[in-house]
Protein backbone atom coordinates (compact mmCIF):
# COMPACT_ATOMS: atom_id res chain seq x y z
CA MET A 1 19.39 -40.37 -22.12
CA ALA A 2 21.47 -37.58 -23.66
CA ILE A 3 25.19 -37.57 -22.80
CA ALA A 4 26.41 -34.28 -21.37
CA LYS A 5 28.89 -32.44 -23.54
CA LEU A 6 32.34 -32.09 -22.01
CA PHE A 7 34.09 -28.71 -22.15
CA VAL A 8 37.68 -28.72 -20.89
CA GLY A 9 39.08 -25.44 -22.22
CA PRO A 10 40.68 -23.93 -19.08
CA GLU A 11 42.33 -27.24 -18.12
CA VAL A 12 43.80 -27.78 -21.60
CA ARG A 13 45.08 -24.21 -21.79
CA ARG A 14 46.71 -24.54 -18.36
CA LEU A 15 48.44 -27.82 -19.27
CA ARG A 16 49.67 -26.43 -22.60
CA GLN A 17 51.07 -23.28 -21.00
CA GLU A 18 52.76 -25.24 -18.21
CA GLN A 19 54.72 -27.16 -20.85
CA GLY A 20 55.49 -24.01 -22.84
CA LEU A 21 53.72 -25.21 -25.99
CA LYS A 22 52.35 -22.91 -28.69
CA LEU A 23 48.98 -23.66 -30.22
CA GLN A 24 50.54 -25.05 -33.42
CA ALA A 25 52.88 -27.44 -31.60
CA CYS A 26 50.17 -28.60 -29.24
CA ALA A 27 47.71 -29.19 -32.08
CA GLU A 28 50.27 -31.28 -33.94
CA ARG A 29 50.91 -33.36 -30.82
CA LEU A 30 47.16 -33.99 -30.43
CA GLY A 31 46.58 -34.64 -34.15
CA ILE A 32 43.95 -31.93 -34.53
CA SER A 33 43.79 -28.57 -36.29
CA VAL A 34 44.88 -25.33 -34.67
CA SER A 35 41.41 -23.86 -35.09
CA TYR A 36 39.82 -26.85 -33.34
CA LEU A 37 42.27 -26.59 -30.43
CA SER A 38 41.62 -22.86 -30.19
CA GLN A 39 37.88 -23.51 -30.04
CA ILE A 40 38.39 -26.19 -27.38
CA GLU A 41 40.42 -23.82 -25.21
CA ALA A 42 37.77 -21.11 -25.60
CA ASN A 43 35.10 -23.64 -24.55
CA GLN A 44 33.33 -23.06 -27.85
CA ARG A 45 33.42 -26.77 -28.74
CA PRO A 46 33.24 -29.89 -26.56
CA VAL A 47 35.84 -32.64 -26.83
CA THR A 48 35.13 -36.06 -28.26
CA SER A 49 36.18 -39.18 -26.38
CA ARG A 50 39.03 -39.72 -28.89
CA VAL A 51 40.40 -36.23 -28.42
CA LEU A 52 40.04 -36.53 -24.64
CA VAL A 53 42.17 -39.67 -24.65
CA SER A 54 44.75 -37.92 -26.87
CA ILE A 55 44.91 -34.96 -24.50
CA ALA A 56 45.32 -37.22 -21.46
CA GLU A 57 48.12 -39.20 -23.14
CA ALA A 58 49.87 -36.10 -24.51
CA PHE A 59 50.05 -34.40 -21.11
CA GLY A 60 50.45 -37.53 -18.99
CA VAL A 61 47.33 -37.02 -16.88
CA ALA A 62 44.35 -39.23 -16.04
CA PRO A 63 41.15 -38.60 -18.03
CA GLU A 64 39.34 -38.01 -14.71
CA VAL A 65 41.12 -34.65 -14.51
CA PHE A 66 38.71 -33.43 -17.18
CA GLU A 67 35.49 -34.72 -15.61
CA ALA A 68 32.52 -32.40 -15.92
CA ARG A 69 31.62 -32.32 -12.23
CA GLU A 70 33.62 -29.14 -11.58
CA ASP A 71 31.74 -27.30 -14.34
CA GLU A 72 28.43 -28.63 -13.05
CA ARG A 73 29.24 -27.53 -9.51
CA LEU A 74 30.25 -24.08 -10.73
CA ILE A 75 27.02 -23.77 -12.72
CA ALA A 76 24.94 -24.85 -9.71
CA ASP A 77 26.71 -22.38 -7.42
CA LEU A 78 26.26 -19.54 -9.92
CA LYS A 79 22.60 -20.38 -10.34
CA GLU A 80 22.00 -20.18 -6.59
CA ALA A 81 24.03 -16.99 -6.22
CA VAL A 82 22.15 -15.27 -9.05
CA ALA A 83 18.83 -16.32 -7.54
CA GLU A 84 19.86 -14.98 -4.13
CA SER A 85 20.71 -11.58 -5.60
CA ALA A 86 16.93 -10.93 -5.81
CA HIS A 87 17.34 -8.42 -8.64
CA PRO A 88 14.02 -6.83 -9.66
CA GLY A 89 14.65 -7.47 -13.36
CA ALA A 90 13.96 -10.60 -15.37
CA PRO A 91 15.58 -13.86 -14.14
CA VAL A 92 18.92 -14.79 -15.71
CA ALA A 93 18.47 -17.73 -18.07
CA LEU A 94 20.26 -20.96 -17.26
CA SER A 95 21.87 -20.85 -20.72
CA GLU A 96 23.56 -17.55 -19.82
CA ILE A 97 24.78 -18.89 -16.49
CA ARG A 98 26.14 -21.99 -18.20
CA ARG A 99 27.93 -19.88 -20.82
CA VAL A 100 29.65 -17.78 -18.13
CA ALA A 101 30.75 -20.87 -16.21
CA LEU A 102 32.15 -22.63 -19.26
CA GLN A 103 33.73 -19.69 -21.09
CA ALA A 104 34.86 -17.52 -18.17
CA PRO A 105 35.35 -19.80 -15.14
CA GLY A 106 37.86 -17.43 -13.52
CA PHE A 107 35.38 -14.57 -13.66
CA ALA A 108 32.62 -16.88 -12.39
CA ARG A 109 34.66 -17.88 -9.33
CA ARG A 110 35.49 -14.24 -8.61
CA PHE A 111 31.77 -13.42 -8.79
CA LEU A 112 31.08 -16.24 -6.32
CA ASP A 113 33.76 -14.90 -3.98
CA LEU A 114 32.07 -11.49 -4.04
CA HIS A 115 28.66 -13.06 -3.51
CA ARG A 116 29.89 -15.04 -0.51
CA ALA A 117 31.52 -11.94 0.95
CA ASN A 118 28.23 -10.11 0.54
CA GLN A 119 26.38 -12.97 2.25
CA ARG A 120 28.82 -12.88 5.15
CA LEU A 121 28.36 -9.15 5.52
CA ALA A 122 24.59 -9.53 5.42
CA GLU A 123 24.76 -12.28 8.01
CA ARG A 124 27.07 -10.20 10.19
CA LEU A 125 24.61 -7.30 9.98
CA ASN A 126 21.68 -9.54 10.92
CA LEU A 127 23.57 -11.06 13.82
CA THR A 128 24.68 -7.64 14.99
CA GLU A 129 21.09 -6.43 14.99
CA GLU A 130 20.05 -9.49 16.97
CA ALA A 131 22.92 -8.99 19.38
CA VAL A 132 21.87 -5.40 19.99
CA ALA A 133 18.31 -6.50 20.59
CA LEU A 134 19.44 -9.23 23.00
CA ASP A 135 22.26 -7.19 24.53
CA GLU A 136 24.76 -9.87 23.48
CA ALA A 137 27.58 -8.05 21.76
CA THR A 138 29.62 -11.17 21.09
CA ALA A 139 27.02 -12.93 18.98
CA ALA A 140 27.82 -11.14 15.73
CA SER A 141 30.78 -13.19 14.53
CA SER A 142 30.26 -16.63 16.08
CA LEU A 143 29.18 -18.44 12.91
CA LEU A 144 31.46 -16.90 10.33
CA PRO A 145 34.54 -19.14 10.77
CA TYR A 146 32.42 -22.24 10.27
CA GLU A 147 31.03 -20.85 7.02
CA GLU A 148 34.55 -20.13 5.77
CA VAL A 149 35.69 -23.67 6.56
CA ARG A 150 32.57 -25.11 4.94
CA GLU A 151 33.43 -23.20 1.76
CA PHE A 152 36.98 -24.56 1.93
CA PHE A 153 35.87 -28.20 1.94
CA HIS A 154 33.27 -27.45 -0.73
CA ASP A 155 35.86 -25.91 -3.04
CA ILE A 156 38.32 -28.82 -2.72
CA ASP A 157 35.55 -31.35 -3.44
CA ASN A 158 35.80 -32.74 0.10
CA TYR A 159 39.06 -34.53 -0.70
CA VAL A 160 42.53 -33.69 0.70
CA ASP A 161 44.99 -35.74 -1.32
CA THR A 162 48.17 -35.29 0.74
CA LEU A 163 46.40 -35.99 4.02
CA ASP A 164 44.44 -38.92 2.63
CA ARG A 165 47.52 -40.66 1.27
CA ALA A 166 49.50 -39.99 4.46
CA ALA A 167 46.71 -41.45 6.60
CA GLU A 168 46.50 -44.50 4.34
CA ALA A 169 50.24 -45.12 4.70
CA LEU A 170 50.01 -44.66 8.48
CA SER A 171 47.13 -47.15 8.67
CA GLU A 172 49.26 -49.75 6.89
CA GLU A 173 52.22 -49.04 9.17
CA ILE A 174 50.07 -49.51 12.28
CA GLY A 175 48.66 -52.73 10.83
CA LEU A 176 44.96 -51.95 10.76
CA VAL A 177 43.09 -54.57 8.73
CA ASN A 178 39.49 -55.24 7.77
CA GLY A 179 37.41 -57.10 10.34
CA GLU A 180 39.73 -56.62 13.32
CA PRO A 181 38.83 -54.07 16.01
CA PRO A 182 41.38 -51.25 15.65
CA ASP A 183 41.36 -50.08 19.29
CA GLY A 184 44.10 -52.40 20.51
CA LYS A 185 46.62 -51.49 17.82
CA ILE A 186 45.85 -47.78 18.11
CA ILE A 187 46.30 -47.82 21.89
CA ALA A 188 49.55 -49.79 21.57
CA TRP A 189 50.85 -47.29 18.97
CA LEU A 190 49.95 -44.34 21.18
CA LYS A 191 51.87 -45.86 24.07
CA SER A 192 54.95 -47.04 22.16
CA ARG A 193 55.37 -44.14 19.71
CA GLN A 194 53.88 -41.17 21.57
CA GLY A 195 54.16 -42.27 25.21
CA VAL A 196 50.45 -41.67 25.65
CA ILE A 197 48.36 -43.67 28.12
CA VAL A 198 44.66 -44.14 27.34
CA VAL A 199 42.20 -43.99 30.23
CA ARG A 200 38.49 -44.61 29.82
CA ALA A 201 36.54 -42.60 32.39
CA ALA A 202 33.25 -40.72 32.33
CA ALA A 203 33.75 -36.97 32.00
CA GLY A 204 30.31 -35.42 31.54
CA GLU A 205 29.73 -34.32 27.97
CA LEU A 206 33.43 -34.55 27.02
CA MET A 207 34.18 -37.24 24.48
CA ARG A 208 37.96 -36.83 24.60
CA ARG A 209 40.46 -34.88 26.69
CA TYR A 210 44.25 -34.90 26.50
CA GLU A 211 46.59 -33.85 29.32
CA PRO A 212 50.02 -33.01 27.84
CA GLU A 213 51.68 -32.85 31.27
CA THR A 214 50.92 -36.48 32.08
CA ARG A 215 50.53 -37.68 28.47
CA THR A 216 47.13 -39.07 29.37
CA LEU A 217 44.32 -39.37 26.84
CA TRP A 218 40.89 -39.61 28.49
CA VAL A 219 38.07 -41.18 26.46
CA ASN A 220 34.48 -41.22 27.68
CA PRO A 221 33.22 -44.85 27.88
CA ARG A 222 29.61 -43.67 27.85
CA GLN A 223 29.96 -42.89 24.16
CA PRO A 224 29.29 -45.61 21.55
CA ALA A 225 32.24 -47.88 20.81
CA GLU A 226 32.62 -46.40 17.30
CA THR A 227 32.83 -42.89 18.75
CA GLN A 228 35.49 -43.94 21.24
CA THR A 229 37.53 -45.54 18.46
CA PHE A 230 37.23 -42.44 16.32
CA GLN A 231 38.45 -40.23 19.19
CA LEU A 232 41.50 -42.44 19.64
CA ALA A 233 42.18 -42.28 15.90
CA TYR A 234 41.75 -38.50 15.92
CA HIS A 235 44.44 -37.98 18.55
CA LEU A 236 46.84 -40.39 16.87
CA ALA A 237 46.41 -38.87 13.41
CA ALA A 238 46.45 -35.27 14.64
CA VAL A 239 49.88 -35.84 16.20
CA GLU A 240 51.45 -38.12 13.58
CA LEU A 241 50.20 -36.07 10.62
CA SER A 242 50.45 -32.61 12.15
CA GLN A 243 52.95 -31.37 9.55
CA VAL A 244 50.65 -32.37 6.70
CA ILE A 245 47.68 -30.71 8.40
CA GLU A 246 49.58 -27.48 9.09
CA ALA A 247 50.77 -27.35 5.47
CA GLU A 248 47.17 -27.61 4.25
CA LEU A 249 46.10 -24.86 6.66
CA ALA A 250 48.88 -22.59 5.45
CA GLN A 251 47.90 -23.15 1.84
CA ALA A 252 44.22 -22.43 2.56
CA ARG A 253 44.98 -18.87 3.79
CA PHE A 254 41.97 -18.40 6.02
CA ARG A 255 40.98 -14.89 6.98
CA THR A 256 40.79 -15.39 10.74
CA PRO A 257 42.60 -17.45 13.40
CA GLU A 258 39.23 -18.85 14.43
CA ALA A 259 38.69 -20.33 10.96
CA VAL A 260 42.16 -21.91 11.14
CA ASP A 261 41.29 -23.53 14.46
CA VAL A 262 37.98 -24.82 13.13
CA CYS A 263 39.60 -26.24 10.00
CA ARG A 264 42.40 -27.86 12.03
CA VAL A 265 39.73 -29.90 13.81
CA GLY A 266 38.03 -30.64 10.48
CA LEU A 267 41.29 -31.89 8.95
CA GLY A 268 41.94 -33.95 12.08
CA ASN A 269 38.54 -35.58 11.69
CA TYR A 270 39.29 -36.18 8.01
CA ALA A 271 42.60 -37.84 8.91
CA ALA A 272 40.92 -40.04 11.54
CA GLY A 273 38.35 -41.26 9.02
CA ALA A 274 41.05 -41.94 6.43
CA LEU A 275 43.10 -43.81 9.04
CA LEU A 276 40.24 -46.12 10.07
CA MET A 277 38.96 -46.51 6.50
CA PRO A 278 42.08 -46.30 4.28
CA TYR A 279 41.25 -45.28 0.75
CA ARG A 280 42.05 -48.30 -1.42
CA ARG A 281 40.76 -50.96 0.99
CA PHE A 282 37.65 -48.98 1.79
CA GLN A 283 36.80 -48.23 -1.84
CA ALA A 284 37.28 -51.87 -2.88
CA THR A 285 35.20 -53.10 0.04
CA ALA A 286 32.47 -50.55 -0.65
CA GLN A 287 32.20 -51.76 -4.24
CA ALA A 288 32.16 -55.42 -3.19
CA LEU A 289 29.41 -54.77 -0.62
CA ARG A 290 27.48 -52.51 -3.03
CA HIS A 291 27.81 -49.59 -0.62
CA ASP A 292 25.85 -51.28 2.15
CA ILE A 293 26.67 -48.85 4.95
CA GLU A 294 25.65 -51.29 7.70
CA ALA A 295 28.00 -53.97 6.35
CA LEU A 296 30.78 -51.39 5.91
CA SER A 297 30.21 -50.20 9.46
CA LEU A 298 30.69 -53.72 10.81
CA THR A 299 33.74 -54.35 8.61
CA PHE A 300 35.62 -51.22 9.64
CA HIS A 301 34.17 -50.86 13.18
CA THR A 302 32.86 -47.40 12.43
CA SER A 303 29.49 -45.69 12.72
CA LEU A 304 26.96 -45.28 9.92
CA GLU A 305 27.69 -41.56 9.79
CA GLN A 306 31.44 -42.13 9.58
CA VAL A 307 30.91 -44.55 6.69
CA CYS A 308 28.66 -42.10 4.82
CA HIS A 309 31.16 -39.30 5.32
CA ARG A 310 34.02 -41.46 4.08
CA LEU A 311 32.07 -42.48 0.99
CA SER A 312 31.79 -38.79 0.14
CA ASN A 313 35.61 -38.46 0.31
CA LEU A 314 36.34 -40.96 -2.46
CA GLN A 315 37.52 -38.38 -4.99
CA ARG A 316 41.13 -39.51 -5.60
CA PRO A 317 42.12 -38.80 -9.23
CA GLY A 318 42.32 -42.03 -11.19
CA LEU A 319 40.63 -44.02 -8.42
CA ARG A 320 37.33 -42.27 -7.76
CA GLY A 321 34.53 -44.05 -5.96
CA ALA A 322 30.88 -44.00 -6.96
CA PRO A 323 29.76 -40.34 -6.97
CA ILE A 324 27.38 -39.79 -4.06
CA PHE A 325 25.79 -36.97 -2.13
CA PHE A 326 25.73 -36.93 1.67
CA VAL A 327 23.99 -34.74 4.23
CA ARG A 328 23.52 -34.81 7.98
CA MET A 329 20.45 -32.99 9.21
CA ASP A 330 19.06 -32.41 12.68
CA TYR A 331 15.39 -32.78 13.52
CA ALA A 332 14.80 -29.05 13.02
CA GLY A 333 15.90 -29.36 9.38
CA ASN A 334 19.31 -27.71 9.83
CA ILE A 335 21.90 -29.28 7.52
CA THR A 336 25.09 -29.62 9.56
CA LYS A 337 27.13 -31.63 7.03
CA ARG A 338 26.79 -31.67 3.29
CA HIS A 339 28.73 -32.73 0.24
CA SER A 340 27.84 -33.79 -3.27
CA ALA A 341 29.97 -35.43 -5.94
CA THR A 342 26.83 -35.51 -8.12
CA ARG A 343 24.89 -32.77 -9.89
CA LEU A 344 22.63 -32.51 -6.83
CA ARG A 345 23.37 -29.35 -4.85
CA PHE A 346 22.13 -28.32 -1.43
CA ALA A 347 20.92 -24.85 -0.55
CA ARG A 348 23.43 -22.97 1.57
CA PHE A 349 20.72 -20.83 3.12
CA GLY A 350 17.16 -21.75 3.98
CA GLY A 351 15.58 -25.17 4.49
CA ALA A 352 15.68 -28.27 2.31
CA CYS A 353 12.78 -29.39 0.14
CA PRO A 354 9.99 -30.79 2.36
CA LEU A 355 9.24 -33.54 -0.19
CA TRP A 356 12.71 -35.05 0.23
CA ASN A 357 12.66 -38.30 2.21
CA VAL A 358 15.20 -37.07 4.77
CA HIS A 359 12.32 -35.32 6.53
CA GLN A 360 10.22 -38.50 6.63
CA ALA A 361 13.08 -40.35 8.33
CA VAL A 362 12.50 -38.29 11.47
CA GLY A 363 9.32 -40.28 12.09
CA ALA A 364 10.83 -43.64 11.09
CA PRO A 365 13.66 -44.29 13.55
CA ASP A 366 16.22 -46.96 12.71
CA ARG A 367 14.72 -47.63 9.27
CA PHE A 368 16.16 -47.04 5.81
CA LEU A 369 13.83 -45.03 3.58
CA VAL A 370 14.51 -45.23 -0.16
CA GLN A 371 13.18 -42.74 -2.68
CA VAL A 372 13.55 -42.14 -6.39
CA ALA A 373 13.62 -38.35 -6.68
CA GLU A 374 13.61 -36.03 -9.68
CA MET A 375 15.01 -32.51 -9.63
CA PRO A 376 13.62 -29.63 -11.73
CA ASP A 377 16.39 -30.14 -14.31
CA GLY A 378 15.15 -33.70 -14.92
CA ALA A 379 18.05 -35.45 -13.16
CA ARG A 380 16.89 -38.48 -11.17
CA TYR A 381 18.47 -39.78 -7.97
CA LEU A 382 18.31 -42.76 -5.67
CA SER A 383 17.97 -41.14 -2.25
CA VAL A 384 18.42 -43.06 1.01
CA ALA A 385 17.58 -41.64 4.44
CA ARG A 386 18.15 -43.07 7.91
CA SER A 387 17.67 -41.52 11.34
CA VAL A 388 20.40 -42.18 13.91
CA ALA A 389 20.77 -41.44 17.62
CA LYS A 390 23.95 -40.65 19.51
CA PRO A 391 23.33 -41.78 23.11
CA SER A 392 24.44 -39.47 25.89
CA GLY A 393 25.09 -42.37 28.25
CA SER A 394 22.96 -40.85 30.98
CA TYR A 395 19.25 -40.56 31.72
CA LEU A 396 19.84 -36.96 32.78
CA GLU A 397 21.44 -35.95 29.48
CA PRO A 398 19.49 -35.81 26.19
CA ASP A 399 20.53 -38.03 23.30
CA ARG A 400 21.45 -36.36 20.02
CA HIS A 401 19.36 -37.21 16.99
CA PHE A 402 20.23 -36.77 13.31
CA VAL A 403 19.11 -37.90 9.88
CA LEU A 404 21.65 -39.18 7.37
CA GLY A 405 20.82 -38.68 3.72
CA PHE A 406 22.88 -40.13 0.90
CA GLY A 407 22.47 -41.42 -2.62
CA CYS A 408 23.51 -41.21 -6.24
CA GLU A 409 22.26 -40.48 -9.72
CA ILE A 410 20.05 -43.19 -11.18
CA GLY A 411 22.77 -44.20 -13.63
CA HIS A 412 24.90 -45.42 -10.68
CA ALA A 413 22.05 -46.89 -8.62
CA HIS A 414 22.90 -50.49 -9.59
CA GLN A 415 26.09 -50.12 -7.53
CA PHE A 416 24.02 -49.63 -4.37
CA VAL A 417 22.26 -52.38 -2.49
CA TYR A 418 19.40 -49.98 -1.75
CA SER A 419 18.23 -50.18 -5.36
CA GLU A 420 17.05 -53.77 -4.84
CA GLY A 421 13.32 -54.03 -5.49
CA ILE A 422 13.04 -50.39 -6.57
CA ASP A 423 11.56 -49.41 -9.94
CA LEU A 424 14.27 -46.97 -10.98
CA ALA A 425 12.40 -46.07 -14.17
CA GLY A 426 9.05 -45.64 -12.43
CA PRO A 427 7.36 -42.55 -10.97
CA ALA A 428 9.66 -40.26 -8.98
CA ALA A 429 9.11 -37.77 -6.18
CA ARG A 430 9.41 -34.28 -7.66
CA ILE A 431 11.73 -32.44 -5.29
CA GLY A 432 13.86 -29.29 -5.47
CA VAL A 433 16.80 -27.68 -3.72
CA SER A 434 14.77 -25.33 -1.55
CA CYS A 435 11.66 -23.21 -2.00
CA ARG A 436 13.66 -19.99 -2.25
CA ILE A 437 15.35 -21.07 -5.50
CA CYS A 438 13.03 -23.83 -6.78
CA GLU A 439 11.76 -23.45 -10.35
CA ARG A 440 8.61 -25.54 -10.03
CA ASN A 441 5.31 -23.72 -10.65
CA ASP A 442 2.97 -26.42 -9.40
CA CYS A 443 4.37 -27.68 -6.10
CA PRO A 444 1.58 -27.93 -3.49
CA GLN A 445 4.13 -28.03 -0.66
CA ARG A 446 5.83 -24.72 -1.52
CA ALA A 447 6.45 -22.71 1.65
CA PHE A 448 7.20 -19.36 0.00
CA PRO A 449 7.89 -17.99 -3.48
CA PRO A 450 11.34 -18.08 -5.08
CA VAL A 451 13.45 -14.99 -4.59
CA ASP A 452 14.16 -14.42 -8.29
CA ARG A 453 10.68 -14.58 -9.83
CA PRO A 454 7.66 -12.27 -9.70
CA LEU A 455 4.39 -13.59 -8.33
CA ARG A 456 0.74 -12.67 -8.45
CA VAL A 457 -2.11 -13.36 -6.04
CA PRO A 458 -5.41 -14.14 -7.84
CA PRO A 459 -8.20 -12.23 -6.04
CA HIS A 460 -11.01 -14.65 -6.91
CA GLU A 461 -9.46 -18.10 -6.44
CA ARG A 462 -7.55 -20.07 -3.85
CA ARG A 463 -5.31 -23.09 -4.28
CA ALA A 464 -3.00 -25.02 -1.94
CA VAL A 465 -0.49 -22.24 -2.52
CA PRO A 466 -2.15 -18.77 -2.45
CA PHE A 467 0.03 -17.24 -5.17
CA ARG A 468 1.01 -17.99 -8.76
CA LEU A 469 4.43 -17.59 -10.36
CA ASP A 470 4.92 -15.71 -13.62
C-alpha cells in the first residue's frame, strides 16, 4: 500500500514566523538547504520522516501536529463543495482540488466559508418558501443555528482541549474510578459543593430539570440508568466548568445568540462525557479492550452511544486514540451526529449511501453488523453498525430508535475486536458518500445522478439505472 505524502508547509511557516526566524537561520537549524525549506513551506515538496522529526525537535512540538488528516479533511470538504456548485462546465479534477488545498489552504477555507454561507442562504430561501406555503412564518430560521454549531465541532476536529483537560481533572478530584457506579459520588458532590439536592421523579418527556430557587435537580427515573447518570454529570460539569465553556463560546464568535445557546448545550454534553470517561483512563481502557463498546459501556457505566461519541473525541495532541468515524442515524436515514478522524467523510446534504451497513442495522435490532467497505478512492474501512432503542418509560409514549455506525480504516482494524473472523483483505462492499457526489459509474443502487457530471439516457436500452454517466 502506498504511503501518503505529507505536506506541512503552512504549519512550518507559522512556527518559523512565530519564533522570528529567517529562512536561512531556520534551514541551518533543521540541517537542510534554504531551497528545500522554501519548497516545503510552499507545499511543493513533502517532508521525509527524518526532516519531520527535525522540525518537531527544533520547534518543540509533537510530530502529531503535522498529521495529514487536516489536509485530507480540507480536500474532502472542497471536493464536496465543488460538486455541490453544479457548474455546467467540466468537473474539477481531484488533482486540482488537492493542489489548492495543499498550496493555498487559507484561500481554500475562505472558499468553504463562502460555500457554506451560500448553502445557508439557499436553505433559508427554501424554508421561507415552505413557510409561505404552510403559513408558518417562523419556520425559516429554525435549523440554521444547529448547522453553525455542527460546523464549529467539525472545524475543531470534535476535540476541545481546555474543556477536556478540565473535565479530566474534575473527574479525578471527585474520585470517579473504573468499574464503580459514578452516581453516588456525583450526587454527593452536587450536595456538598453546590448545595443541590437530586430528586428522581417522573416528569413526562423531561429527562432533567433544575429549579434554581430550591436548588433541586429533578431526574426522570423512567430513562435508562446511563441516561440518568449522564444528566447528573451534565449539570455538575456545566456549573463547575462554566468559565471554561463560556471562554470557548466567546472564542467561537457565533453569528446568532441561538447558535451560542445550542453550542453551550453541546459543550456541556462534551464536558459530561469527558467527566464520566476521562481521557487518559478511557483511552488506555479502550486500547486494552480493543474498542469493545459493550465492555467499555459496562466499565464506565455509560451507554453505547456515549462510548462511541467519546471514542470520536480522542484527538489530544501527543496522545491520540485510534482514528475512527462515528455517526448516529435515525430510521429515516437522517444523520443527527457525525464525526470522522479518518479519510471517510459524510455528506452534509442528502442521504447516505444505501449500500452502507448502517441501513441494514434497522432490520437487525440489537445485533452488531460488520462490513468491509471500499470507497471510490480505494480506501477500505471496517464498518460496524448497531441499532439502539431509547425507551420512553411508558406504553403511551413512543421509544426512540437510532443506528450507531462507527469504524476505522483497514490499517487500524486489528485494534478493534470487531475484526475477529473478518477477512480484511477479501471482497469489500463498494460504497460511496452519497449519490449526489458519488463517482461510481456502475452502481445498481444509485438513486439519482451526481450533481457535477453530465448524463445521457439511452433510448433503446434499459438497465437497473435508466441513465449513463459521461
